[in-house]
C-alpha atoms as a PDB file:
ATOM      1  CA  UNK A   1     122.882 179.134-117.782  1.00  0.00           C
ATOM      2  CA  UNK A   2     123.525 182.723-116.417  1.00  0.00           C
ATOM      3  CA  UNK A   3     121.351 185.253-116.876  1.00  0.00           C
ATOM      4  CA  UNK A   4     122.530 189.236-115.872  1.00  0.00           C
ATOM      5  CA  UNK A   5     120.605 192.044-115.302  1.00  0.00           C
ATOM      6  CA  UNK A   6     122.556 195.143-113.714  1.00  0.00           C
ATOM      7  CA  UNK A   7     119.657 197.493-112.735  1.00  0.00           C
ATOM      8  CA  UNK A   8     119.498 200.802-111.906  1.00  0.00           C
ATOM      9  CA  UNK A   9     115.976 202.552-110.593  1.00  0.00           C
ATOM     10  CA  UNK A  10     114.496 200.609-113.006  1.00  0.00           C
ATOM     11  CA  UNK A  11     111.195 199.257-111.265  1.00  0.00           C
ATOM     12  CA  UNK A  12     108.763 200.204-113.436  1.00  0.00           C
ATOM     13  CA  UNK A  13     110.896 197.672-115.674  1.00  0.00           C
ATOM     14  CA  UNK A  14     111.600 194.886-113.716  1.00  0.00           C
ATOM     15  CA  UNK A  15     108.784 192.737-112.934  1.00  0.00           C
ATOM     16  CA  UNK A  16     107.877 193.247-116.572  1.00  0.00           C
ATOM     17  CA  UNK A  17     111.301 191.865-117.618  1.00  0.00           C
ATOM     18  CA  UNK A  18     112.147 189.109-115.057  1.00  0.00           C
ATOM     19  CA  UNK A  19     108.801 187.762-115.416  1.00  0.00           C
ATOM     20  CA  UNK A  20     109.808 187.640-118.866  1.00  0.00           C
ATOM     21  CA  UNK A  21     112.938 185.555-118.034  1.00  0.00           C
ATOM     22  CA  UNK A  22     111.138 183.176-115.785  1.00  0.00           C
ATOM     23  CA  UNK A  23     108.790 182.552-118.196  1.00  0.00           C
ATOM     24  CA  UNK A  24     110.831 180.679-120.449  1.00  0.00           C
ATOM     25  CA  UNK A  25     110.966 177.163-120.904  1.00  0.00           C
ATOM     26  CA  UNK A  26     114.520 175.251-121.789  1.00  0.00           C
ATOM     27  CA  UNK A  27     115.809 171.665-121.028  1.00  0.00           C
ATOM     28  CA  UNK A  28     118.930 173.831-119.862  1.00  0.00           C
ATOM     29  CA  UNK A  29     118.450 174.622-115.859  1.00  0.00           C
ATOM     30  CA  UNK A  30     119.337 178.291-115.614  1.00  0.00           C
ATOM     31  CA  UNK A  31     120.290 181.212-112.943  1.00  0.00           C
ATOM     32  CA  UNK A  32     119.151 184.397-112.658  1.00  0.00           C
ATOM     33  CA  UNK A  33     121.582 186.999-110.954  1.00  0.00           C
ATOM     34  CA  UNK A  34     120.459 190.659-110.388  1.00  0.00           C
ATOM     35  CA  UNK A  35     123.166 193.574-109.689  1.00  0.00           C
ATOM     36  CA  UNK A  36     121.436 196.228-108.079  1.00  0.00           C
ATOM     37  CA  UNK A  37     123.703 199.583-108.390  1.00  0.00           C
ATOM     38  CA  UNK A  38     122.357 201.659-105.661  1.00  0.00           C
ATOM     39  CA  UNK A  39     118.338 201.728-106.916  1.00  0.00           C
ATOM     40  CA  UNK A  40     116.707 204.315-104.888  1.00  0.00           C
ATOM     41  CA  UNK A  41     113.333 203.497-105.470  1.00  0.00           C
ATOM     42  CA  UNK A  42     111.525 200.146-105.196  1.00  0.00           C
ATOM     43  CA  UNK A  43     113.726 198.027-107.497  1.00  0.00           C
ATOM     44  CA  UNK A  44     115.016 195.113-104.624  1.00  0.00           C
ATOM     45  CA  UNK A  45     111.852 195.173-103.183  1.00  0.00           C
ATOM     46  CA  UNK A  46     109.694 193.790-106.250  1.00  0.00           C
ATOM     47  CA  UNK A  47     112.951 191.320-106.851  1.00  0.00           C
ATOM     48  CA  UNK A  48     112.650 189.539-103.694  1.00  0.00           C
ATOM     49  CA  UNK A  49     108.749 189.886-103.321  1.00  0.00           C
ATOM     50  CA  UNK A  50     107.883 188.704-106.826  1.00  0.00           C
ATOM     51  CA  UNK A  51     111.277 186.769-107.770  1.00  0.00           C
ATOM     52  CA  UNK A  52     113.256 184.714-105.096  1.00  0.00           C
ATOM     53  CA  UNK A  53     114.228 182.003-107.217  1.00  0.00           C
ATOM     54  CA  UNK A  54     116.639 185.237-108.654  1.00  0.00           C
ATOM     55  CA  UNK A  55     119.984 186.432-106.800  1.00  0.00           C
ATOM     56  CA  UNK A  56     120.265 189.836-105.758  1.00  0.00           C
ATOM     57  CA  UNK A  57     123.840 191.224-105.454  1.00  0.00           C
ATOM     58  CA  UNK A  58     123.525 194.626-103.978  1.00  0.00           C
ATOM     59  CA  UNK A  59     125.712 197.765-104.081  1.00  0.00           C
ATOM     60  CA  UNK A  60     125.397 200.710-102.102  1.00  0.00           C
ATOM     61  CA  UNK A  61     126.357 203.122-105.131  1.00  0.00           C
ATOM     62  CA  UNK A  62     126.151 203.195-108.753  1.00  0.00           C
ATOM     63  CA  UNK A  63     129.192 201.088-109.798  1.00  0.00           C
ATOM     64  CA  UNK A  64     128.689 201.357-113.715  1.00  0.00           C
ATOM     65  CA  UNK A  65     127.199 198.944-115.889  1.00  0.00           C
ATOM     66  CA  UNK A  66     130.629 197.412-116.311  1.00  0.00           C
ATOM     67  CA  UNK A  67     131.272 196.359-113.341  1.00  0.00           C
ATOM     68  CA  UNK A  68     128.113 195.477-112.397  1.00  0.00           C
ATOM     69  CA  UNK A  69     128.277 192.909-115.166  1.00  0.00           C
ATOM     70  CA  UNK A  70     131.774 191.737-113.978  1.00  0.00           C
ATOM     71  CA  UNK A  71     130.136 191.251-110.619  1.00  0.00           C
ATOM     72  CA  UNK A  72     127.322 188.899-112.281  1.00  0.00           C
ATOM     73  CA  UNK A  73     129.896 186.741-114.261  1.00  0.00           C
ATOM     74  CA  UNK A  74     132.408 186.672-111.119  1.00  0.00           C
ATOM     75  CA  UNK A  75     129.093 185.027-109.340  1.00  0.00           C
ATOM     76  CA  UNK A  76     127.774 183.573-112.725  1.00  0.00           C
ATOM     77  CA  UNK A  77     128.349 179.045-112.715  1.00  0.00           C
ATOM     78  CA  UNK A  78     126.961 179.237-116.238  1.00  0.00           C
ATOM     79  CA  UNK A  79     128.411 177.181-118.984  1.00  0.00           C
ATOM     80  CA  UNK A  80     127.252 180.273-121.316  1.00  0.00           C
ATOM     81  CA  UNK A  81     126.418 183.472-119.567  1.00  0.00           C
ATOM     82  CA  UNK A  82     123.705 186.293-121.221  1.00  0.00           C
ATOM     83  CA  UNK A  83     124.173 189.424-120.414  1.00  0.00           C
ATOM     84  CA  UNK A  84     120.107 191.428-120.014  1.00  0.00           C
ATOM     85  CA  UNK A  85     119.205 195.230-120.016  1.00  0.00           C
ATOM     86  CA  UNK A  86     117.088 195.973-117.267  1.00  0.00           C
ATOM     87  CA  UNK A  87     114.398 197.618-119.799  1.00  0.00           C
ATOM     88  CA  UNK A  88     114.263 194.563-122.278  1.00  0.00           C
ATOM     89  CA  UNK A  89     111.292 191.773-122.284  1.00  0.00           C
ATOM     90  CA  UNK A  90     112.196 188.547-124.090  1.00  0.00           C
ATOM     91  CA  UNK A  91     109.757 186.980-126.541  1.00  0.00           C
ATOM     92  CA  UNK A  92     108.657 183.300-126.214  1.00  0.00           C
ATOM     93  CA  UNK A  93     111.185 181.292-127.222  1.00  0.00           C
ATOM     94  CA  UNK A  94     114.565 183.174-126.834  1.00  0.00           C
ATOM     95  CA  UNK A  95     116.339 181.430-124.776  1.00  0.00           C
ATOM     96  CA  UNK A  96     115.402 178.004-126.895  1.00  0.00           C
ATOM     97  CA  UNK A  97     116.674 179.775-129.797  1.00  0.00           C
ATOM     98  CA  UNK A  98     119.991 180.956-128.634  1.00  0.00           C
ATOM     99  CA  UNK A  99     121.042 177.478-127.286  1.00  0.00           C
ATOM    100  CA  UNK A 100     119.796 175.212-130.261  1.00  0.00           C
ATOM    101  CA  UNK A 101     122.215 177.013-131.984  1.00  0.00           C
ATOM    102  CA  UNK A 102     124.811 177.507-129.505  1.00  0.00           C
ATOM    103  CA  UNK A 103     124.918 174.145-129.282  1.00  0.00           C
ATOM    104  CA  UNK A 104     125.132 173.584-133.097  1.00  0.00           C
ATOM    105  CA  UNK A 105     127.982 176.732-133.527  1.00  0.00           C
ATOM    106  CA  UNK A 106     131.834 175.757-133.775  1.00  0.00           C
ATOM    107  CA  UNK A 107     133.466 175.652-130.819  1.00  0.00           C
ATOM    108  CA  UNK A 108     135.360 179.139-132.193  1.00  0.00           C
ATOM    109  CA  UNK A 109     131.820 180.821-131.660  1.00  0.00           C
ATOM    110  CA  UNK A 110     132.257 182.665-128.524  1.00  0.00           C
ATOM    111  CA  UNK A 111     129.305 185.725-128.562  1.00  0.00           C
ATOM    112  CA  UNK A 112     125.160 185.278-130.332  1.00  0.00           C
ATOM    113  CA  UNK A 113     123.204 188.553-131.058  1.00  0.00           C
ATOM    114  CA  UNK A 114     119.598 188.109-130.799  1.00  0.00           C
ATOM    115  CA  UNK A 115     117.263 190.048-132.733  1.00  0.00           C
ATOM    116  CA  UNK A 116     116.373 193.590-130.322  1.00  0.00           C
ATOM    117  CA  UNK A 117     112.899 194.950-131.581  1.00  0.00           C
ATOM    118  CA  UNK A 118     111.645 198.406-130.029  1.00  0.00           C
ATOM    119  CA  UNK A 119     109.301 197.742-127.418  1.00  0.00           C
ATOM    120  CA  UNK A 120     106.996 200.305-128.081  1.00  0.00           C
ATOM    121  CA  UNK A 121     106.925 199.510-132.036  1.00  0.00           C
ATOM    122  CA  UNK A 122     107.969 196.160-132.512  1.00  0.00           C
ATOM    123  CA  UNK A 123     107.930 196.602-136.486  1.00  0.00           C
ATOM    124  CA  UNK A 124     110.962 198.899-135.620  1.00  0.00           C
ATOM    125  CA  UNK A 125     114.702 198.087-135.244  1.00  0.00           C
ATOM    126  CA  UNK A 126     116.925 198.340-132.633  1.00  0.00           C
ATOM    127  CA  UNK A 127     119.557 195.752-134.245  1.00  0.00           C
ATOM    128  CA  UNK A 128     119.942 192.536-135.413  1.00  0.00           C
ATOM    129  CA  UNK A 129     123.264 190.736-135.465  1.00  0.00           C
ATOM    130  CA  UNK A 130     124.346 192.984-133.194  1.00  0.00           C
ATOM    131  CA  UNK A 131     126.814 196.073-133.852  1.00  0.00           C
ATOM    132  CA  UNK A 132     128.244 197.985-136.194  1.00  0.00           C
ATOM    133  CA  UNK A 133     131.151 200.142-136.070  1.00  0.00           C
ATOM    134  CA  UNK A 134     132.189 203.115-137.564  1.00  0.00           C
ATOM    135  CA  UNK A 135     136.142 203.664-138.027  1.00  0.00           C
ATOM    136  CA  UNK A 136     136.809 205.379-134.954  1.00  0.00           C
ATOM    137  CA  UNK A 137     135.640 202.898-132.394  1.00  0.00           C
ATOM    138  CA  UNK A 138     131.542 203.980-132.547  1.00  0.00           C
ATOM    139  CA  UNK A 139     129.115 201.273-133.228  1.00  0.00           C
ATOM    140  CA  UNK A 140     125.422 201.404-133.455  1.00  0.00           C
ATOM    141  CA  UNK A 141     122.655 198.334-133.799  1.00  0.00           C
ATOM    142  CA  UNK A 142     122.870 196.779-137.278  1.00  0.00           C
ATOM    143  CA  UNK A 143     119.812 198.095-138.863  1.00  0.00           C
ATOM    144  CA  UNK A 144     118.620 200.315-136.151  1.00  0.00           C
ATOM    145  CA  UNK A 145     115.509 202.595-136.628  1.00  0.00           C
ATOM    146  CA  UNK A 146     114.387 200.447-139.675  1.00  0.00           C
ATOM    147  CA  UNK A 147     111.388 198.875-140.348  1.00  0.00           C
ATOM    148  CA  UNK A 148     112.062 194.891-139.617  1.00  0.00           C
ATOM    149  CA  UNK A 149     111.043 192.745-142.737  1.00  0.00           C
ATOM    150  CA  UNK A 150     113.591 190.007-141.979  1.00  0.00           C
ATOM    151  CA  UNK A 151     116.275 191.993-144.183  1.00  0.00           C
ATOM    152  CA  UNK A 152     118.381 190.942-141.916  1.00  0.00           C
ATOM    153  CA  UNK A 153     117.909 187.626-141.001  1.00  0.00           C
ATOM    154  CA  UNK A 154     119.931 185.508-143.225  1.00  0.00           C
ATOM    155  CA  UNK A 155     123.815 186.172-142.585  1.00  0.00           C
ATOM    156  CA  UNK A 156     124.712 184.304-139.378  1.00  0.00           C
ATOM    157  CA  UNK A 157     127.852 185.309-139.230  1.00  0.00           C
ATOM    158  CA  UNK A 158     128.172 188.770-137.643  1.00  0.00           C
ATOM    159  CA  UNK A 159     130.717 191.156-135.917  1.00  0.00           C
ATOM    160  CA  UNK A 160     129.989 191.669-132.142  1.00  0.00           C
ATOM    161  CA  UNK A 161     127.243 191.766-130.223  1.00  0.00           C
ATOM    162  CA  UNK A 162     125.661 194.325-127.792  1.00  0.00           C
ATOM    163  CA  UNK A 163     125.461 194.042-124.039  1.00  0.00           C
ATOM    164  CA  UNK A 164     121.556 194.912-124.033  1.00  0.00           C
ATOM    165  CA  UNK A 165     121.473 191.506-125.036  1.00  0.00           C
ATOM    166  CA  UNK A 166     123.937 188.860-126.014  1.00  0.00           C
ATOM    167  CA  UNK A 167     124.784 185.536-125.435  1.00  0.00           C
ATOM    168  CA  UNK A 168     128.856 184.939-124.221  1.00  0.00           C
ATOM    169  CA  UNK A 169     130.671 181.588-124.185  1.00  0.00           C
ATOM    170  CA  UNK A 170     132.128 181.311-120.622  1.00  0.00           C
ATOM    171  CA  UNK A 171     135.444 180.292-121.888  1.00  0.00           C
ATOM    172  CA  UNK A 172     135.778 183.097-123.875  1.00  0.00           C
ATOM    173  CA  UNK A 173     134.985 185.243-121.604  1.00  0.00           C
ATOM    174  CA  UNK A 174     137.607 183.578-119.017  1.00  0.00           C
ATOM    175  CA  UNK A 175     140.444 183.793-122.270  1.00  0.00           C
ATOM    176  CA  UNK A 176     139.960 187.277-123.127  1.00  0.00           C
ATOM    177  CA  UNK A 177     138.755 189.177-119.978  1.00  0.00           C
ATOM    178  CA  UNK A 178     135.731 190.600-118.443  1.00  0.00           C
ATOM    179  CA  UNK A 179     134.086 194.266-119.098  1.00  0.00           C
ATOM    180  CA  UNK A 180     136.600 196.937-118.558  1.00  0.00           C
ATOM    181  CA  UNK A 181     135.723 198.624-115.693  1.00  0.00           C
ATOM    182  CA  UNK A 182     137.725 202.133-116.890  1.00  0.00           C
ATOM    183  CA  UNK A 183     134.695 202.459-119.305  1.00  0.00           C
ATOM    184  CA  UNK A 184     131.776 202.607-116.194  1.00  0.00           C
ATOM    185  CA  UNK A 185     129.326 202.450-118.943  1.00  0.00           C
ATOM    186  CA  UNK A 186     128.597 202.440-122.935  1.00  0.00           C
ATOM    187  CA  UNK A 187     131.203 200.956-125.382  1.00  0.00           C
ATOM    188  CA  UNK A 188     132.311 198.427-122.505  1.00  0.00           C
ATOM    189  CA  UNK A 189     130.547 196.053-125.438  1.00  0.00           C
ATOM    190  CA  UNK A 190     132.453 197.273-128.194  1.00  0.00           C
ATOM    191  CA  UNK A 191     135.757 196.800-126.599  1.00  0.00           C
ATOM    192  CA  UNK A 192     134.921 193.113-125.293  1.00  0.00           C
ATOM    193  CA  UNK A 193     134.009 192.329-128.615  1.00  0.00           C
ATOM    194  CA  UNK A 194     136.943 193.439-130.464  1.00  0.00           C
ATOM    195  CA  UNK A 195     139.198 191.498-128.556  1.00  0.00           C
ATOM    196  CA  UNK A 196     137.354 188.643-128.539  1.00  0.00           C
ATOM    197  CA  UNK A 197     137.561 188.504-132.448  1.00  0.00           C
ATOM    198  CA  UNK A 198     141.256 189.864-131.972  1.00  0.00           C
ATOM    199  CA  UNK A 199     141.682 186.806-129.743  1.00  0.00           C
ATOM    200  CA  UNK A 200     140.320 184.702-132.809  1.00  0.00           C
ATOM    201  CA  UNK A 201     136.400 184.200-131.654  1.00  0.00           C
ATOM    202  CA  UNK A 202     133.509 184.851-133.592  1.00  0.00           C
ATOM    203  CA  UNK A 203     129.986 186.136-133.244  1.00  0.00           C
ATOM    204  CA  UNK A 204     126.842 184.715-134.564  1.00  0.00           C
ATOM    205  CA  UNK A 205     123.461 186.416-135.427  1.00  0.00           C
ATOM    206  CA  UNK A 206     120.215 184.282-134.121  1.00  0.00           C
ATOM    207  CA  UNK A 207     117.389 186.099-135.308  1.00  0.00           C
ATOM    208  CA  UNK A 208     115.190 184.091-134.128  1.00  0.00           C
ATOM    209  CA  UNK A 209     115.796 184.742-130.482  1.00  0.00           C
ATOM    210  CA  UNK A 210     113.776 188.129-129.777  1.00  0.00           C
ATOM    211  CA  UNK A 211     113.949 191.061-127.220  1.00  0.00           C
ATOM    212  CA  UNK A 212     111.671 193.931-126.749  1.00  0.00           C
ATOM    213  CA  UNK A 213     113.643 197.165-125.775  1.00  0.00           C
ATOM    214  CA  UNK A 214     113.153 200.557-124.446  1.00  0.00           C
ATOM    215  CA  UNK A 215     115.916 202.553-125.917  1.00  0.00           C
ATOM    216  CA  UNK A 216     118.170 203.405-123.435  1.00  0.00           C
ATOM    217  CA  UNK A 217     115.397 204.171-120.946  1.00  0.00           C
ATOM    218  CA  UNK A 218     117.788 203.461-118.145  1.00  0.00           C
ATOM    219  CA  UNK A 219     120.990 205.800-119.055  1.00  0.00           C
ATOM    220  CA  UNK A 220     119.130 208.426-120.284  1.00  0.00           C
ATOM    221  CA  UNK A 221     118.775 208.857-123.901  1.00  0.00           C
ATOM    222  CA  UNK A 222     120.833 212.175-124.598  1.00  0.00           C
ATOM    223  CA  UNK A 223     122.581 213.566-121.073  1.00  0.00           C
ATOM    224  CA  UNK A 224     125.905 215.546-120.630  1.00  0.00           C
ATOM    225  CA  UNK A 225     126.874 212.254-118.675  1.00  0.00           C
ATOM    226  CA  UNK A 226     126.217 210.364-121.491  1.00  0.00           C
ATOM    227  CA  UNK A 227     127.970 211.921-124.131  1.00  0.00           C
ATOM    228  CA  UNK A 228     131.123 212.271-121.857  1.00  0.00           C
ATOM    229  CA  UNK A 229     131.174 208.606-121.341  1.00  0.00           C
ATOM    230  CA  UNK A 230     131.246 207.719-125.379  1.00  0.00           C
ATOM    231  CA  UNK A 231     132.950 210.266-126.447  1.00  0.00           C
ATOM    232  CA  UNK A 232     136.147 209.285-123.848  1.00  0.00           C
ATOM    233  CA  UNK A 233     135.171 205.403-124.427  1.00  0.00           C
ATOM    234  CA  UNK A 234     135.290 204.852-128.125  1.00  0.00           C
ATOM    235  CA  UNK A 235     138.855 206.256-128.121  1.00  0.00           C
ATOM    236  CA  UNK A 236     140.077 204.241-125.271  1.00  0.00           C
ATOM    237  CA  UNK A 237     137.906 201.258-127.334  1.00  0.00           C
ATOM    238  CA  UNK A 238     140.217 201.563-130.313  1.00  0.00           C
ATOM    239  CA  UNK A 239     143.417 202.712-128.934  1.00  0.00           C
ATOM    240  CA  UNK A 240     143.123 199.312-127.234  1.00  0.00           C
ATOM    241  CA  UNK A 241     142.298 197.416-130.249  1.00  0.00           C
ATOM    242  CA  UNK A 242     143.371 199.011-133.872  1.00  0.00           C
ATOM    243  CA  UNK A 243     146.287 198.498-135.665  1.00  0.00           C
ATOM    244  CA  UNK A 244     148.067 201.407-135.810  1.00  0.00           C
ATOM    245  CA  UNK A 245     147.795 201.806-139.346  1.00  0.00           C
ATOM    246  CA  UNK A 246     143.391 202.524-138.457  1.00  0.00           C
ATOM    247  CA  UNK A 247     144.556 204.574-135.219  1.00  0.00           C
ATOM    248  CA  UNK A 248     146.847 206.872-137.684  1.00  0.00           C
ATOM    249  CA  UNK A 249     143.567 207.794-139.761  1.00  0.00           C
ATOM    250  CA  UNK A 250     141.441 208.304-136.255  1.00  0.00           C
ATOM    251  CA  UNK A 251     141.544 211.783-135.987  1.00  0.00           C
ATOM    252  CA  UNK A 252     140.305 212.626-139.769  1.00  0.00           C
ATOM    253  CA  UNK A 253     137.369 209.977-139.287  1.00  0.00           C
ATOM    254  CA  UNK A 254     136.791 211.890-135.735  1.00  0.00           C
ATOM    255  CA  UNK A 255     136.360 215.388-137.443  1.00  0.00           C
ATOM    256  CA  UNK A 256     134.618 213.858-140.023  1.00  0.00           C
ATOM    257  CA  UNK A 257     131.997 212.772-138.104  1.00  0.00           C
ATOM    258  CA  UNK A 258     132.318 216.244-135.957  1.00  0.00           C
ATOM    259  CA  UNK A 259     131.165 217.524-138.857  1.00  0.00           C
ATOM    260  CA  UNK A 260     127.775 215.497-139.725  1.00  0.00           C
ATOM    261  CA  UNK A 261     126.872 216.091-136.120  1.00  0.00           C
ATOM    262  CA  UNK A 262     127.601 219.873-136.808  1.00  0.00           C
ATOM    263  CA  UNK A 263     125.151 219.613-140.039  1.00  0.00           C
ATOM    264  CA  UNK A 264     122.702 217.562-137.982  1.00  0.00           C
ATOM    265  CA  UNK A 265     122.668 220.117-134.896  1.00  0.00           C
ATOM    266  CA  UNK A 266     122.163 223.139-137.987  1.00  0.00           C
ATOM    267  CA  UNK A 267     119.353 220.665-139.606  1.00  0.00           C
ATOM    268  CA  UNK A 268     117.730 219.074-136.343  1.00  0.00           C
ATOM    269  CA  UNK A 269     118.652 215.375-137.518  1.00  0.00           C
ATOM    270  CA  UNK A 270     119.991 212.794-135.181  1.00  0.00           C
ATOM    271  CA  UNK A 271     121.465 212.676-131.438  1.00  0.00           C
ATOM    272  CA  UNK A 272     123.479 216.141-131.632  1.00  0.00           C
ATOM    273  CA  UNK A 273     120.069 218.105-131.977  1.00  0.00           C
ATOM    274  CA  UNK A 274     117.989 216.271-129.356  1.00  0.00           C
ATOM    275  CA  UNK A 275     120.536 216.401-127.402  1.00  0.00           C
ATOM    276  CA  UNK A 276     120.769 220.634-128.291  1.00  0.00           C
ATOM    277  CA  UNK A 277     116.991 220.711-127.513  1.00  0.00           C
ATOM    278  CA  UNK A 278     116.896 219.643-124.097  1.00  0.00           C
ATOM    279  CA  UNK A 279     120.255 221.142-123.489  1.00  0.00           C
ATOM    280  CA  UNK A 280     122.661 223.045-126.348  1.00  0.00           C
ATOM    281  CA  UNK A 281     124.688 222.516-129.010  1.00  0.00           C
ATOM    282  CA  UNK A 282     128.150 224.754-127.926  1.00  0.00           C
ATOM    283  CA  UNK A 283     127.312 222.215-124.369  1.00  0.00           C
ATOM    284  CA  UNK A 284     129.507 219.722-126.826  1.00  0.00           C
ATOM    285  CA  UNK A 285     132.111 221.422-127.118  1.00  0.00           C
ATOM    286  CA  UNK A 286     133.365 221.533-123.602  1.00  0.00           C
ATOM    287  CA  UNK A 287     132.499 218.052-122.556  1.00  0.00           C
ATOM    288  CA  UNK A 288     134.327 216.703-125.357  1.00  0.00           C
ATOM    289  CA  UNK A 289     137.129 218.543-124.269  1.00  0.00           C
ATOM    290  CA  UNK A 290     136.967 216.998-121.135  1.00  0.00           C
ATOM    291  CA  UNK A 291     136.425 213.718-122.489  1.00  0.00           C
ATOM    292  CA  UNK A 292     139.317 213.924-123.974  1.00  0.00           C
ATOM    293  CA  UNK A 293     141.553 215.137-121.196  1.00  0.00           C
ATOM    294  CA  UNK A 294     139.728 212.627-118.994  1.00  0.00           C
ATOM    295  CA  UNK A 295     140.946 209.866-122.128  1.00  0.00           C
ATOM    296  CA  UNK A 296     144.880 211.507-122.415  1.00  0.00           C
ATOM    297  CA  UNK A 297     144.835 211.093-118.216  1.00  0.00           C
ATOM    298  CA  UNK A 298     143.997 207.015-118.735  1.00  0.00           C
ATOM    299  CA  UNK A 299     146.569 206.807-121.404  1.00  0.00           C
ATOM    300  CA  UNK A 300     149.297 204.737-119.637  1.00  0.00           C
ATOM    301  CA  UNK A 301     146.511 202.085-118.155  1.00  0.00           C
ATOM    302  CA  UNK A 302     144.732 201.818-121.494  1.00  0.00           C
ATOM    303  CA  UNK A 303     148.603 201.683-123.426  1.00  0.00           C
ATOM    304  CA  UNK A 304     149.213 198.504-120.940  1.00  0.00           C
ATOM    305  CA  UNK A 305     145.985 196.599-121.855  1.00  0.00           C
ATOM    306  CA  UNK A 306     147.026 197.699-125.443  1.00  0.00           C
ATOM    307  CA  UNK A 307     149.651 195.982-125.383  1.00  0.00           C
ATOM    308  CA  UNK A 308     148.375 192.444-123.337  1.00  0.00           C
ATOM    309  CA  UNK A 309     145.503 192.491-126.015  1.00  0.00           C
ATOM    310  CA  UNK A 310     147.908 192.521-129.095  1.00  0.00           C
ATOM    311  CA  UNK A 311     150.487 190.049-127.899  1.00  0.00           C
ATOM    312  CA  UNK A 312     147.297 187.715-127.615  1.00  0.00           C
ATOM    313  CA  UNK A 313     146.084 188.550-131.405  1.00  0.00           C
ATOM    314  CA  UNK A 314     145.098 185.905-133.565  1.00  0.00           C
ATOM    315  CA  UNK A 315     144.627 187.480-136.654  1.00  0.00           C
ATOM    316  CA  UNK A 316     146.553 189.542-139.122  1.00  0.00           C
ATOM    317  CA  UNK A 317     145.606 193.176-140.487  1.00  0.00           C
ATOM    318  CA  UNK A 318     144.456 192.352-143.499  1.00  0.00           C
ATOM    319  CA  UNK A 319     141.744 190.016-141.833  1.00  0.00           C
ATOM    320  CA  UNK A 320     140.614 193.511-139.660  1.00  0.00           C
ATOM    321  CA  UNK A 321     140.487 194.945-142.162  1.00  0.00           C
ATOM    322  CA  UNK A 322     137.874 192.768-143.947  1.00  0.00           C
ATOM    323  CA  UNK A 323     136.210 193.106-140.770  1.00  0.00           C
ATOM    324  CA  UNK A 324     135.976 197.206-141.215  1.00  0.00           C
ATOM    325  CA  UNK A 325     134.796 197.065-144.762  1.00  0.00           C
ATOM    326  CA  UNK A 326     132.093 193.969-144.118  1.00  0.00           C
ATOM    327  CA  UNK A 327     131.029 195.608-140.734  1.00  0.00           C
ATOM    328  CA  UNK A 328     131.708 199.244-141.489  1.00  0.00           C
ATOM    329  CA  UNK A 329     129.066 202.182-140.316  1.00  0.00           C
ATOM    330  CA  UNK A 330     129.176 205.141-142.350  1.00  0.00           C
ATOM    331  CA  UNK A 331     129.259 208.509-140.649  1.00  0.00           C
ATOM    332  CA  UNK A 332     125.614 209.798-141.808  1.00  0.00           C
ATOM    333  CA  UNK A 333     124.212 206.347-140.018  1.00  0.00           C
ATOM    334  CA  UNK A 334     125.808 206.571-136.949  1.00  0.00           C
ATOM    335  CA  UNK A 335     125.443 210.303-136.358  1.00  0.00           C
ATOM    336  CA  UNK A 336     122.107 211.436-137.799  1.00  0.00           C
ATOM    337  CA  UNK A 337     119.986 208.393-136.657  1.00  0.00           C
ATOM    338  CA  UNK A 338     119.669 208.170-133.387  1.00  0.00           C
END
């Protein structure tokens, strides 16, 4: 078993994060690999002084969440791998619950999604059972911002996990590939999950494995760079993985999302409104245009990747459409609840 934690200037989170990891009790031995993306604070010193059993990979600069995880994956030795954000804390029994479900699962299950709760208010859901998806490729945590009354705990098969805290079968990763490093950060877990589902792998929810999370504490909640990456990367995720019939409808879903986004800014609701508080709503327009131009520039590479993914596809278009019926996220739920 391998834990992979990508860190960037997470000094204020790391001690509690790693303490919660090393306090896990399990019959399975585990290794912890921390990939530091050029932190300028005291992150590496905290690890070396307090957790010498952790392996540290030090990058001289920020290589991104996707590449950082891939570095950890390349160095890992476990049959199962857990990706974990540096701004999380694990509840007691987290690892035990995940492993129990993994060991009892069928061989076609390659991903497991724990219950992620807000660390500021543990009664509030970050996600339970991974992500739901909007038909333009954007995804959000299942049940995000709902009160946790156990309402999402019954369903065991779910769509795809959030890399904030997820368990992956190494055999699956070796088959479908690691995170796409061209994404740098954001939507890379959606892309990986879609690739795995297309290849025939499944995901299970493990609500008994609980994680507490500071939402977007490392990457920033509403920054121009985050908006740029999300707007570019969700297009790449869709183009790589969606059937052509769904891609034909993508512009209409995209346009409707922008209409809802504009309404959210006007009514001061959702992520767009929060961005406008720190910058301005008008600033979103050039960011989105730049994201589309960047997406187009990378299209030759994305189309080559699409071809490779589609050749390995083990599911039908009808099965994919059923996913989007069952695990679909509405534009209002996506945009107006940040």
